[in-house]
Amino acid sequence: LFSLAPGTPAMSDTIPSLPAHDALAAARGGQTLHVDIRRPEEWAATAMAETATGITMEDPDFVAKITALAEGDRSRSITLICRTGGRTARTGAYLADLGFTRVDHVGEGMIGSAHGPGWLTRGLPVVGR
């Protein structure tokens, strides 16, 4: 989909980070579209957040699929999740550059990071396990 040159600063501060439990509540309430951007083997290894749609960031049609999920509305709220929040920060910044105006991410990811313990450690619901 895209790549960062070595030495490029982290983009984790360019899009908002939501705690996993807030992302769950927002997705359940219909306030955001929740997208897991990891690879299929990662979904199989840890399962997927109950509220997420799997669209791997490596899919050549990633942007088209995100656009279709949002029904063409680039102002729809989209919350991205990955393993630890790194890929979602970069991917969210990329989507913002393409005109998506309400993108955030679960900075703690599925397994945890400096942003928090992670979806799995929090015991939030998953599918595919």
C-alpha atoms as a PDB file:
ATOM      1  CA  LEU A   1       0.000   0.000   0.000  1.00  0.00           C
ATOM      2  CA  PHE A   2       2.657   2.522   1.033  1.00  0.00           C
ATOM      3  CA  SER A   3       5.988   2.642   2.765  1.00  0.00           C
ATOM      4  CA  LEU A   4       7.960   4.980   4.964  1.00  0.00           C
ATOM      5  CA  ALA A   5      11.530   5.870   4.218  1.00  0.00           C
ATOM      6  CA  PRO A   6      14.020   4.875   6.916  1.00  0.00           C
ATOM      7  CA  GLY A   7      14.265   7.630   9.502  1.00  0.00           C
ATOM      8  CA  THR A   8      10.753   8.959   8.835  1.00  0.00           C
ATOM      9  CA  PRO A   9       9.275  10.206  12.125  1.00  0.00           C
ATOM     10  CA  ALA A  10       6.523   8.141  13.678  1.00  0.00           C
ATOM     11  CA  MET A  11       3.075   9.392  12.753  1.00  0.00           C
ATOM     12  CA  SER A  12       1.306   8.156  15.890  1.00  0.00           C
ATOM     13  CA  ASP A  13       0.444  11.716  16.920  1.00  0.00           C
ATOM     14  CA  THR A  14      -1.126  12.665  13.601  1.00  0.00           C
ATOM     15  CA  ILE A  15      -4.371  10.769  14.178  1.00  0.00           C
ATOM     16  CA  PRO A  16      -6.176  10.322  17.486  1.00  0.00           C
ATOM     17  CA  SER A  17      -5.695   7.157  19.511  1.00  0.00           C
ATOM     18  CA  LEU A  18      -8.724   5.591  21.215  1.00  0.00           C
ATOM     19  CA  PRO A  19      -8.580   3.097  24.078  1.00  0.00           C
ATOM     20  CA  ALA A  20      -9.833  -0.301  22.947  1.00  0.00           C
ATOM     21  CA  HIS A  21     -12.969  -0.192  25.128  1.00  0.00           C
ATOM     22  CA  ASP A  22     -13.932   3.212  23.649  1.00  0.00           C
ATOM     23  CA  ALA A  23     -13.472   1.857  20.119  1.00  0.00           C
ATOM     24  CA  LEU A  24     -15.699  -1.106  20.986  1.00  0.00           C
ATOM     25  CA  ALA A  25     -18.440   1.165  22.360  1.00  0.00           C
ATOM     26  CA  ALA A  26     -18.260   3.504  19.351  1.00  0.00           C
ATOM     27  CA  ALA A  27     -18.439   0.620  16.866  1.00  0.00           C
ATOM     28  CA  ARG A  28     -21.303  -1.066  18.714  1.00  0.00           C
ATOM     29  CA  GLY A  29     -23.136   2.268  18.802  1.00  0.00           C
ATOM     30  CA  GLY A  30     -22.739   2.739  15.052  1.00  0.00           C
ATOM     31  CA  GLN A  31     -20.591   5.839  15.529  1.00  0.00           C
ATOM     32  CA  THR A  32     -17.541   4.417  13.747  1.00  0.00           C
ATOM     33  CA  LEU A  33     -16.532   1.780  11.236  1.00  0.00           C
ATOM     34  CA  HIS A  34     -13.962  -0.483  12.872  1.00  0.00           C
ATOM     35  CA  VAL A  35     -11.342  -1.944  10.510  1.00  0.00           C
ATOM     36  CA  ASP A  36      -8.623  -4.488  11.320  1.00  0.00           C
ATOM     37  CA  ILE A  37      -5.762  -3.840   8.875  1.00  0.00           C
ATOM     38  CA  ARG A  38      -3.567  -6.809   9.857  1.00  0.00           C
ATOM     39  CA  ARG A  39      -2.813  -9.782   7.606  1.00  0.00           C
ATOM     40  CA  PRO A  40      -5.146 -12.811   7.459  1.00  0.00           C
ATOM     41  CA  GLU A  41      -2.625 -15.000   9.300  1.00  0.00           C
ATOM     42  CA  GLU A  42      -2.655 -12.476  12.154  1.00  0.00           C
ATOM     43  CA  TRP A  43      -6.447 -12.587  12.281  1.00  0.00           C
ATOM     44  CA  ALA A  44      -6.216 -16.373  12.502  1.00  0.00           C
ATOM     45  CA  ALA A  45      -3.558 -16.259  15.229  1.00  0.00           C
ATOM     46  CA  THR A  46      -5.319 -13.889  17.638  1.00  0.00           C
ATOM     47  CA  ALA A  47      -8.874 -13.715  16.293  1.00  0.00           C
ATOM     48  CA  MET A  48     -10.390 -10.373  15.340  1.00  0.00           C
ATOM     49  CA  ALA A  49     -12.141  -7.749  17.411  1.00  0.00           C
ATOM     50  CA  GLU A  50     -15.848  -8.559  17.404  1.00  0.00           C
ATOM     51  CA  THR A  51     -16.741  -5.196  15.881  1.00  0.00           C
ATOM     52  CA  ALA A  52     -14.039  -5.124  13.187  1.00  0.00           C
ATOM     53  CA  THR A  53     -14.142  -5.725   9.470  1.00  0.00           C
ATOM     54  CA  GLY A  54     -10.922  -7.254   8.163  1.00  0.00           C
ATOM     55  CA  ILE A  55      -9.338  -5.315   5.306  1.00  0.00           C
ATOM     56  CA  THR A  56      -5.615  -5.944   5.206  1.00  0.00           C
ATOM     57  CA  MET A  57      -3.547  -2.846   4.476  1.00  0.00           C
ATOM     58  CA  GLU A  58      -1.537  -4.974   2.031  1.00  0.00           C
ATOM     59  CA  ASP A  59      -4.569  -5.419  -0.244  1.00  0.00           C
ATOM     60  CA  PRO A  60      -3.978  -3.525  -3.510  1.00  0.00           C
ATOM     61  CA  ASP A  61      -7.648  -2.495  -3.313  1.00  0.00           C
ATOM     62  CA  PHE A  62      -7.384  -1.319   0.316  1.00  0.00           C
ATOM     63  CA  VAL A  63      -8.494   2.267  -0.314  1.00  0.00           C
ATOM     64  CA  ALA A  64     -11.331   1.168  -2.596  1.00  0.00           C
ATOM     65  CA  LYS A  65     -12.547  -1.299   0.047  1.00  0.00           C
ATOM     66  CA  ILE A  66     -12.378   1.315   2.823  1.00  0.00           C
ATOM     67  CA  THR A  67     -14.264   3.732   0.565  1.00  0.00           C
ATOM     68  CA  ALA A  68     -16.913   1.085  -0.163  1.00  0.00           C
ATOM     69  CA  LEU A  69     -17.276   0.262   3.541  1.00  0.00           C
ATOM     70  CA  ALA A  70     -17.837   3.977   4.205  1.00  0.00           C
ATOM     71  CA  GLU A  71     -20.339   4.041   1.331  1.00  0.00           C
ATOM     72  CA  GLY A  72     -18.211   6.659  -0.412  1.00  0.00           C
ATOM     73  CA  ASP A  73     -18.439   9.068   2.517  1.00  0.00           C
ATOM     74  CA  ARG A  74     -14.917  10.158   3.408  1.00  0.00           C
ATOM     75  CA  SER A  75     -16.302  11.988   6.449  1.00  0.00           C
ATOM     76  CA  ARG A  76     -17.507   8.728   8.055  1.00  0.00           C
ATOM     77  CA  SER A  77     -15.681   7.879  11.259  1.00  0.00           C
ATOM     78  CA  ILE A  78     -13.193   5.044  10.765  1.00  0.00           C
ATOM     79  CA  THR A  79     -11.278   3.411  13.616  1.00  0.00           C
ATOM     80  CA  LEU A  80      -8.310   1.254  12.623  1.00  0.00           C
ATOM     81  CA  ILE A  81      -6.747  -1.545  14.676  1.00  0.00           C
ATOM     82  CA  CYS A  82      -3.606  -3.635  14.167  1.00  0.00           C
ATOM     83  CA  ARG A  83      -1.262  -5.615  16.433  1.00  0.00           C
ATOM     84  CA  THR A  84       0.285  -2.754  18.463  1.00  0.00           C
ATOM     85  CA  GLY A  85      -0.857   0.501  16.848  1.00  0.00           C
ATOM     86  CA  GLY A  86       2.117   1.249  14.607  1.00  0.00           C
ATOM     87  CA  ARG A  87       0.597   0.256  11.289  1.00  0.00           C
ATOM     88  CA  THR A  88      -2.711   1.907  12.128  1.00  0.00           C
ATOM     89  CA  ALA A  89      -1.013   5.227  12.884  1.00  0.00           C
ATOM     90  CA  ARG A  90       0.746   5.193   9.496  1.00  0.00           C
ATOM     91  CA  THR A  91      -2.307   3.920   7.622  1.00  0.00           C
ATOM     92  CA  GLY A  92      -4.593   6.445   9.301  1.00  0.00           C
ATOM     93  CA  ALA A  93      -2.269   9.291   8.323  1.00  0.00           C
ATOM     94  CA  TYR A  94      -2.245   7.933   4.772  1.00  0.00           C
ATOM     95  CA  LEU A  95      -6.065   7.853   4.652  1.00  0.00           C
ATOM     96  CA  ALA A  96      -6.186  11.391   6.042  1.00  0.00           C
ATOM     97  CA  ASP A  97      -3.861  12.483   3.220  1.00  0.00           C
ATOM     98  CA  LEU A  98      -6.391  10.966   0.792  1.00  0.00           C
ATOM     99  CA  GLY A  99      -9.217  13.077   2.225  1.00  0.00           C
ATOM    100  CA  PHE A 100     -10.712  10.847   4.929  1.00  0.00           C
ATOM    101  CA  THR A 101     -11.504  13.396   7.625  1.00  0.00           C
ATOM    102  CA  ARG A 102     -12.401  11.283  10.683  1.00  0.00           C
ATOM    103  CA  VAL A 103      -9.798   8.546  11.093  1.00  0.00           C
ATOM    104  CA  ASP A 104      -8.485   7.353  14.437  1.00  0.00           C
ATOM    105  CA  HIS A 105      -6.891   4.187  15.700  1.00  0.00           C
ATOM    106  CA  VAL A 106      -6.684   1.841  18.653  1.00  0.00           C
ATOM    107  CA  GLY A 107      -3.155   2.780  19.671  1.00  0.00           C
ATOM    108  CA  GLU A 108      -2.844  -0.162  22.030  1.00  0.00           C
ATOM    109  CA  GLY A 109      -3.771  -2.582  19.248  1.00  0.00           C
ATOM    110  CA  MET A 110      -4.756  -6.176  19.790  1.00  0.00           C
ATOM    111  CA  ILE A 111      -1.835  -7.165  22.013  1.00  0.00           C
ATOM    112  CA  GLY A 112      -0.870  -3.954  23.783  1.00  0.00           C
ATOM    113  CA  SER A 113       1.605  -1.101  23.488  1.00  0.00           C
ATOM    114  CA  ALA A 114       2.594   2.055  25.341  1.00  0.00           C
ATOM    115  CA  HIS A 115      -0.989   3.229  24.747  1.00  0.00           C
ATOM    116  CA  GLY A 116      -2.510   0.449  26.868  1.00  0.00           C
ATOM    117  CA  PRO A 117      -2.823  -3.272  27.532  1.00  0.00           C
ATOM    118  CA  GLY A 118      -4.512  -4.199  24.241  1.00  0.00           C
ATOM    119  CA  TRP A 119      -7.842  -5.583  23.107  1.00  0.00           C
ATOM    120  CA  LEU A 120      -7.019  -9.161  24.107  1.00  0.00           C
ATOM    121  CA  THR A 121      -5.591  -8.360  27.560  1.00  0.00           C
ATOM    122  CA  ARG A 122      -8.653  -6.232  28.284  1.00  0.00           C
ATOM    123  CA  GLY A 123     -10.769  -9.310  27.559  1.00  0.00           C
ATOM    124  CA  LEU A 124     -12.829  -7.552  24.905  1.00  0.00           C
ATOM    125  CA  PRO A 125     -14.891  -9.762  22.585  1.00  0.00           C
ATOM    126  CA  VAL A 126     -13.327 -11.419  19.548  1.00  0.00           C
ATOM    127  CA  VAL A 127     -14.528 -13.580  16.673  1.00  0.00           C
ATOM    128  CA  GLY A 128     -12.711 -16.330  14.835  1.00  0.00           C
ATOM    129  CA  ARG A 129     -11.173 -18.060  17.811  1.00  0.00           C
END
